Amino acid sequence: MKLGIIACALGHHRVDRKDTRRVHGAHVGRCRSCKTPMEEIEPHLWAVQKVRDAGLTYRGK
């Protein structure tokens, strides 16, 4: 688990395949270790979604 969090800090997220959903024609899910929201941009290619933080600006985790 600790190595997964370190990998996430370096930008190597792994999607949880059991918890993916289809939303508006795209697959979305979360990272196994840090629960960062991710979106499938191409088949088998996942990218971190940009979400709004408390300051109402976009940030990528």
N, C-alpha and C. Protein backbone atom coordinates (compact mmCIF):
# COMPACT_ATOMS: atom_id res chain seq x y z
N MET A 1 0.82 -1.19 0.00
CA MET A 1 0.00 0.00 0.00
C MET A 1 0.86 1.25 0.00
N LYS A 2 1.91 1.28 0.79
CA LYS A 2 2.78 2.46 0.87
C LYS A 2 3.48 2.71 -0.46
N LEU A 3 3.90 1.66 -1.15
CA LEU A 3 4.56 1.85 -2.44
C LEU A 3 3.58 2.40 -3.47
N GLY A 4 2.29 2.02 -3.35
CA GLY A 4 1.29 2.57 -4.25
C GLY A 4 1.10 4.05 -4.06
N ILE A 5 1.14 4.52 -2.83
CA ILE A 5 0.99 5.95 -2.56
C ILE A 5 2.21 6.71 -3.07
N ILE A 6 3.39 6.14 -2.92
CA ILE A 6 4.60 6.78 -3.44
C ILE A 6 4.54 6.85 -4.97
N ALA A 7 4.05 5.78 -5.61
CA ALA A 7 3.92 5.78 -7.06
C ALA A 7 2.91 6.84 -7.51
N CYS A 8 1.84 7.02 -6.76
CA CYS A 8 0.83 8.04 -7.09
C CYS A 8 1.43 9.44 -6.96
N ALA A 9 2.28 9.64 -5.98
CA ALA A 9 2.92 10.94 -5.81
C ALA A 9 3.83 11.26 -7.00
N LEU A 10 4.36 10.23 -7.64
CA LEU A 10 5.21 10.42 -8.82
C LEU A 10 4.40 10.46 -10.10
N GLY A 11 3.08 10.24 -10.02
CA GLY A 11 2.22 10.33 -11.20
C GLY A 11 1.87 9.02 -11.85
N HIS A 12 2.18 7.89 -11.20
CA HIS A 12 1.88 6.57 -11.76
C HIS A 12 0.66 5.98 -11.07
N HIS A 13 -0.52 6.45 -11.48
CA HIS A 13 -1.77 5.97 -10.88
C HIS A 13 -2.19 4.66 -11.54
N ARG A 14 -2.92 3.82 -10.78
CA ARG A 14 -3.46 2.57 -11.29
C ARG A 14 -4.96 2.59 -11.06
N VAL A 15 -5.73 2.38 -12.11
CA VAL A 15 -7.18 2.45 -12.00
C VAL A 15 -7.72 1.16 -11.37
N ASP A 16 -8.75 1.31 -10.55
CA ASP A 16 -9.43 0.18 -9.94
C ASP A 16 -10.46 -0.34 -10.93
N ARG A 17 -10.20 -1.45 -11.58
CA ARG A 17 -11.05 -1.97 -12.65
C ARG A 17 -12.43 -2.40 -12.16
N LYS A 18 -12.57 -2.75 -10.88
CA LYS A 18 -13.86 -3.20 -10.35
C LYS A 18 -14.83 -2.05 -10.14
N ASP A 19 -14.33 -0.83 -10.06
CA ASP A 19 -15.18 0.31 -9.71
C ASP A 19 -15.29 1.33 -10.84
N THR A 20 -15.20 0.89 -12.10
CA THR A 20 -15.35 1.82 -13.20
C THR A 20 -16.81 1.94 -13.59
N ARG A 21 -17.20 3.12 -14.06
CA ARG A 21 -18.57 3.38 -14.48
C ARG A 21 -18.56 4.04 -15.85
N ARG A 22 -19.69 4.00 -16.49
CA ARG A 22 -19.84 4.67 -17.78
C ARG A 22 -20.70 5.91 -17.56
N VAL A 23 -20.12 7.08 -17.82
CA VAL A 23 -20.80 8.35 -17.62
C VAL A 23 -20.70 9.16 -18.91
N HIS A 24 -21.83 9.50 -19.49
CA HIS A 24 -21.91 10.30 -20.71
C HIS A 24 -21.01 9.76 -21.82
N GLY A 25 -21.00 8.45 -22.00
CA GLY A 25 -20.25 7.83 -23.07
C GLY A 25 -18.79 7.59 -22.79
N ALA A 26 -18.31 7.92 -21.61
CA ALA A 26 -16.90 7.72 -21.26
C ALA A 26 -16.82 6.87 -19.99
N HIS A 27 -15.75 6.14 -19.86
CA HIS A 27 -15.52 5.36 -18.65
C HIS A 27 -14.76 6.21 -17.63
N VAL A 28 -15.22 6.18 -16.39
CA VAL A 28 -14.55 6.90 -15.32
C VAL A 28 -14.33 5.93 -14.16
N GLY A 29 -13.31 6.21 -13.38
CA GLY A 29 -12.98 5.38 -12.23
C GLY A 29 -12.08 6.14 -11.27
N ARG A 30 -11.54 5.41 -10.31
CA ARG A 30 -10.65 6.02 -9.33
C ARG A 30 -9.38 5.19 -9.22
N CYS A 31 -8.34 5.86 -8.74
CA CYS A 31 -7.05 5.20 -8.51
C CYS A 31 -7.18 4.22 -7.35
N ARG A 32 -6.47 3.10 -7.42
CA ARG A 32 -6.53 2.11 -6.34
C ARG A 32 -5.99 2.64 -5.02
N SER A 33 -4.91 3.39 -5.08
CA SER A 33 -4.22 3.79 -3.86
C SER A 33 -4.73 5.09 -3.27
N CYS A 34 -4.89 6.11 -4.12
CA CYS A 34 -5.18 7.43 -3.57
C CYS A 34 -6.58 7.95 -3.90
N LYS A 35 -7.38 7.17 -4.63
CA LYS A 35 -8.78 7.51 -4.97
C LYS A 35 -8.91 8.77 -5.81
N THR A 36 -7.90 9.10 -6.61
CA THR A 36 -7.97 10.23 -7.52
C THR A 36 -8.89 9.87 -8.68
N PRO A 37 -9.83 10.78 -9.07
CA PRO A 37 -10.71 10.47 -10.20
C PRO A 37 -9.93 10.41 -11.51
N MET A 38 -10.24 9.38 -12.33
CA MET A 38 -9.55 9.17 -13.59
C MET A 38 -10.58 8.93 -14.69
N GLU A 39 -10.19 9.23 -15.93
CA GLU A 39 -11.07 9.06 -17.08
C GLU A 39 -10.30 8.33 -18.18
N GLU A 40 -10.99 7.44 -18.88
CA GLU A 40 -10.37 6.71 -19.98
C GLU A 40 -10.47 7.58 -21.23
N ILE A 41 -9.32 8.03 -21.74
CA ILE A 41 -9.33 8.91 -22.90
C ILE A 41 -9.19 8.13 -24.21
N GLU A 42 -8.55 6.99 -24.17
CA GLU A 42 -8.44 6.04 -25.27
C GLU A 42 -8.58 4.66 -24.66
N PRO A 43 -8.85 3.64 -25.46
CA PRO A 43 -8.93 2.30 -24.87
C PRO A 43 -7.63 1.94 -24.13
N HIS A 44 -7.78 1.60 -22.87
CA HIS A 44 -6.68 1.19 -21.98
C HIS A 44 -5.69 2.31 -21.70
N LEU A 45 -6.09 3.57 -21.86
CA LEU A 45 -5.25 4.72 -21.54
C LEU A 45 -6.05 5.66 -20.64
N TRP A 46 -5.61 5.76 -19.39
CA TRP A 46 -6.34 6.53 -18.39
C TRP A 46 -5.59 7.80 -18.05
N ALA A 47 -6.34 8.88 -17.79
CA ALA A 47 -5.76 10.16 -17.41
C ALA A 47 -6.47 10.70 -16.19
N VAL A 48 -5.75 11.45 -15.38
CA VAL A 48 -6.32 12.05 -14.17
C VAL A 48 -7.24 13.19 -14.58
N GLN A 49 -8.43 13.23 -14.00
CA GLN A 49 -9.37 14.31 -14.27
C GLN A 49 -8.99 15.53 -13.47
N LYS A 50 -9.23 16.69 -14.03
CA LYS A 50 -9.03 17.93 -13.28
C LYS A 50 -10.31 18.22 -12.52
N VAL A 51 -10.19 18.45 -11.24
CA VAL A 51 -11.34 18.72 -10.37
C VAL A 51 -11.19 20.09 -9.74
N ARG A 52 -12.30 20.66 -9.32
CA ARG A 52 -12.25 21.97 -8.66
C ARG A 52 -11.87 21.79 -7.20
N ASP A 53 -10.97 22.65 -6.72
CA ASP A 53 -10.61 22.61 -5.31
C ASP A 53 -11.40 23.68 -4.56
N ALA A 54 -11.12 23.90 -3.33
CA ALA A 54 -11.89 24.82 -2.49
C ALA A 54 -11.76 26.27 -2.97
N GLY A 55 -10.70 26.60 -3.67
CA GLY A 55 -10.52 27.95 -4.20
C GLY A 55 -11.18 28.14 -5.56
N LEU A 56 -11.93 27.12 -6.00
CA LEU A 56 -12.66 27.13 -7.28
C LEU A 56 -11.75 27.29 -8.48
N THR A 57 -10.55 26.76 -8.38
CA THR A 57 -9.66 26.68 -9.53
C THR A 57 -9.45 25.21 -9.86
N TYR A 58 -9.03 24.94 -11.07
CA TYR A 58 -8.80 23.55 -11.46
C TYR A 58 -7.42 23.10 -11.00
N ARG A 59 -7.34 21.87 -10.62
CA ARG A 59 -6.05 21.31 -10.26
C ARG A 59 -6.03 19.85 -10.66
N GLY A 60 -4.89 19.35 -11.05
CA GLY A 60 -4.70 17.94 -11.31
C GLY A 60 -3.89 17.36 -10.20
N LYS A 61 -4.33 16.26 -9.68
CA LYS A 61 -3.62 15.68 -8.53
C LYS A 61 -2.46 14.86 -8.97
